[in-house]
């Protein structure tokens, strides 16, 4: 069976994605007094920390339905670097 979610180490090529996420209300609400300075942090590798990103096999419609059942709302398709992504948002009430 094919794996649907893969975790990988964040890299400097992910800078645009991470900076975009930092503008979203739910991210700000979860950590409103912290500036991660991603361009600096993505180039560091302290032994006590890993920054991981989850990659979803995005053509897989069952995965999309799973996230929608959890309350995520589809916003748009967007390219980050050369990767086409589906952007979902989870809004807390």
C-alpha atoms as a PDB file:
ATOM      1  CA  UNK A   1       0.000   0.000   0.000  1.00  0.00           C
ATOM      2  CA  UNK A   2       1.258   3.455  -0.930  1.00  0.00           C
ATOM      3  CA  UNK A   3       2.159   5.847   1.899  1.00  0.00           C
ATOM      4  CA  UNK A   4      -0.086   8.920   1.869  1.00  0.00           C
ATOM      5  CA  UNK A   5       1.836  11.201   4.219  1.00  0.00           C
ATOM      6  CA  UNK A   6       5.601  11.507   4.241  1.00  0.00           C
ATOM      7  CA  UNK A   7       7.559  13.606   6.716  1.00  0.00           C
ATOM      8  CA  UNK A   8      10.730  15.247   5.511  1.00  0.00           C
ATOM      9  CA  UNK A   9      13.244  17.659   6.953  1.00  0.00           C
ATOM     10  CA  UNK A  10      12.461  21.301   6.130  1.00  0.00           C
ATOM     11  CA  UNK A  11      14.973  22.957   3.830  1.00  0.00           C
ATOM     12  CA  UNK A  12      15.742  26.477   2.709  1.00  0.00           C
ATOM     13  CA  UNK A  13      13.672  25.788  -0.427  1.00  0.00           C
ATOM     14  CA  UNK A  14      10.630  25.687   1.919  1.00  0.00           C
ATOM     15  CA  UNK A  15      11.163  29.285   3.041  1.00  0.00           C
ATOM     16  CA  UNK A  16       8.281  30.696   0.952  1.00  0.00           C
ATOM     17  CA  UNK A  17       5.837  28.136   2.325  1.00  0.00           C
ATOM     18  CA  UNK A  18       6.833  28.684   5.951  1.00  0.00           C
ATOM     19  CA  UNK A  19       6.749  32.476   5.647  1.00  0.00           C
ATOM     20  CA  UNK A  20       3.315  32.231   4.010  1.00  0.00           C
ATOM     21  CA  UNK A  21       2.016  30.014   6.814  1.00  0.00           C
ATOM     22  CA  UNK A  22       3.290  32.543   9.357  1.00  0.00           C
ATOM     23  CA  UNK A  23       0.814  35.084   7.938  1.00  0.00           C
ATOM     24  CA  UNK A  24      -2.195  32.865   8.644  1.00  0.00           C
ATOM     25  CA  UNK A  25      -4.364  33.676  11.642  1.00  0.00           C
ATOM     26  CA  UNK A  26      -4.377  30.153  13.073  1.00  0.00           C
ATOM     27  CA  UNK A  27      -0.573  30.059  13.058  1.00  0.00           C
ATOM     28  CA  UNK A  28      -0.306  33.508  14.620  1.00  0.00           C
ATOM     29  CA  UNK A  29      -2.823  32.487  17.300  1.00  0.00           C
ATOM     30  CA  UNK A  30      -0.828  29.385  18.147  1.00  0.00           C
ATOM     31  CA  UNK A  31       2.484  31.234  18.586  1.00  0.00           C
ATOM     32  CA  UNK A  32       1.836  34.975  18.445  1.00  0.00           C
ATOM     33  CA  UNK A  33       4.988  36.202  20.186  1.00  0.00           C
ATOM     34  CA  UNK A  34       7.561  34.173  18.289  1.00  0.00           C
ATOM     35  CA  UNK A  35       9.452  35.166  15.145  1.00  0.00           C
ATOM     36  CA  UNK A  36      11.121  32.051  13.827  1.00  0.00           C
ATOM     37  CA  UNK A  37      13.431  33.892  11.423  1.00  0.00           C
ATOM     38  CA  UNK A  38      13.091  30.999   8.975  1.00  0.00           C
ATOM     39  CA  UNK A  39      15.907  32.067   6.649  1.00  0.00           C
ATOM     40  CA  UNK A  40      18.304  31.685   9.587  1.00  0.00           C
ATOM     41  CA  UNK A  41      16.740  28.651  11.272  1.00  0.00           C
ATOM     42  CA  UNK A  42      16.495  26.547   8.124  1.00  0.00           C
ATOM     43  CA  UNK A  43      20.245  26.782   7.738  1.00  0.00           C
ATOM     44  CA  UNK A  44      20.891  25.528  11.295  1.00  0.00           C
ATOM     45  CA  UNK A  45      20.712  21.942  12.489  1.00  0.00           C
ATOM     46  CA  UNK A  46      20.970  21.812  16.272  1.00  0.00           C
ATOM     47  CA  UNK A  47      21.027  18.258  17.607  1.00  0.00           C
ATOM     48  CA  UNK A  48      17.993  18.875  19.839  1.00  0.00           C
ATOM     49  CA  UNK A  49      15.560  19.927  17.092  1.00  0.00           C
ATOM     50  CA  UNK A  50      14.075  18.846  13.795  1.00  0.00           C
ATOM     51  CA  UNK A  51      11.765  20.925  11.639  1.00  0.00           C
ATOM     52  CA  UNK A  52       9.612  18.528   9.644  1.00  0.00           C
ATOM     53  CA  UNK A  53       7.102  19.091   6.882  1.00  0.00           C
ATOM     54  CA  UNK A  54       4.378  16.632   5.989  1.00  0.00           C
ATOM     55  CA  UNK A  55       3.996  15.930   2.305  1.00  0.00           C
ATOM     56  CA  UNK A  56       0.726  14.492   1.158  1.00  0.00           C
ATOM     57  CA  UNK A  57       0.246  12.545  -2.029  1.00  0.00           C
ATOM     58  CA  UNK A  58      -2.037  15.365  -3.220  1.00  0.00           C
ATOM     59  CA  UNK A  59      -3.686  13.615  -6.200  1.00  0.00           C
ATOM     60  CA  UNK A  60      -5.178  11.241  -3.654  1.00  0.00           C
ATOM     61  CA  UNK A  61      -8.779  12.417  -3.164  1.00  0.00           C
ATOM     62  CA  UNK A  62      -9.330  10.287  -0.046  1.00  0.00           C
ATOM     63  CA  UNK A  63      -6.678  12.332   1.726  1.00  0.00           C
ATOM     64  CA  UNK A  64      -8.471  15.569   0.809  1.00  0.00           C
ATOM     65  CA  UNK A  65     -11.760  14.213   2.107  1.00  0.00           C
ATOM     66  CA  UNK A  66     -10.040  13.119   5.328  1.00  0.00           C
ATOM     67  CA  UNK A  67      -8.810  16.657   6.016  1.00  0.00           C
ATOM     68  CA  UNK A  68     -12.173  18.153   5.091  1.00  0.00           C
ATOM     69  CA  UNK A  69     -13.884  15.835   7.581  1.00  0.00           C
ATOM     70  CA  UNK A  70     -11.501  17.188  10.237  1.00  0.00           C
ATOM     71  CA  UNK A  71     -12.705  20.706   9.474  1.00  0.00           C
ATOM     72  CA  UNK A  72     -10.037  21.904   7.049  1.00  0.00           C
ATOM     73  CA  UNK A  73     -11.357  24.082   4.206  1.00  0.00           C
ATOM     74  CA  UNK A  74      -9.789  24.071   0.752  1.00  0.00           C
ATOM     75  CA  UNK A  75      -8.596  27.565  -0.181  1.00  0.00           C
ATOM     76  CA  UNK A  76      -6.757  27.271  -3.491  1.00  0.00           C
ATOM     77  CA  UNK A  77      -4.098  25.589  -5.555  1.00  0.00           C
ATOM     78  CA  UNK A  78      -0.751  27.337  -5.251  1.00  0.00           C
ATOM     79  CA  UNK A  79       2.778  26.784  -6.482  1.00  0.00           C
ATOM     80  CA  UNK A  80       5.605  26.883  -3.954  1.00  0.00           C
ATOM     81  CA  UNK A  81       8.835  26.826  -5.925  1.00  0.00           C
ATOM     82  CA  UNK A  82       8.046  24.206  -8.588  1.00  0.00           C
ATOM     83  CA  UNK A  83       5.604  22.144  -6.513  1.00  0.00           C
ATOM     84  CA  UNK A  84       1.882  22.509  -7.014  1.00  0.00           C
ATOM     85  CA  UNK A  85       0.153  22.365  -3.649  1.00  0.00           C
ATOM     86  CA  UNK A  86      -3.382  22.417  -2.359  1.00  0.00           C
ATOM     87  CA  UNK A  87      -3.731  24.935   0.436  1.00  0.00           C
ATOM     88  CA  UNK A  88      -6.171  24.061   3.221  1.00  0.00           C
ATOM     89  CA  UNK A  89      -6.989  26.107   6.294  1.00  0.00           C
ATOM     90  CA  UNK A  90      -8.267  25.113   9.721  1.00  0.00           C
ATOM     91  CA  UNK A  91     -10.129  27.908  11.508  1.00  0.00           C
ATOM     92  CA  UNK A  92     -10.707  27.705  15.237  1.00  0.00           C
ATOM     93  CA  UNK A  93     -13.950  29.115  16.537  1.00  0.00           C
END
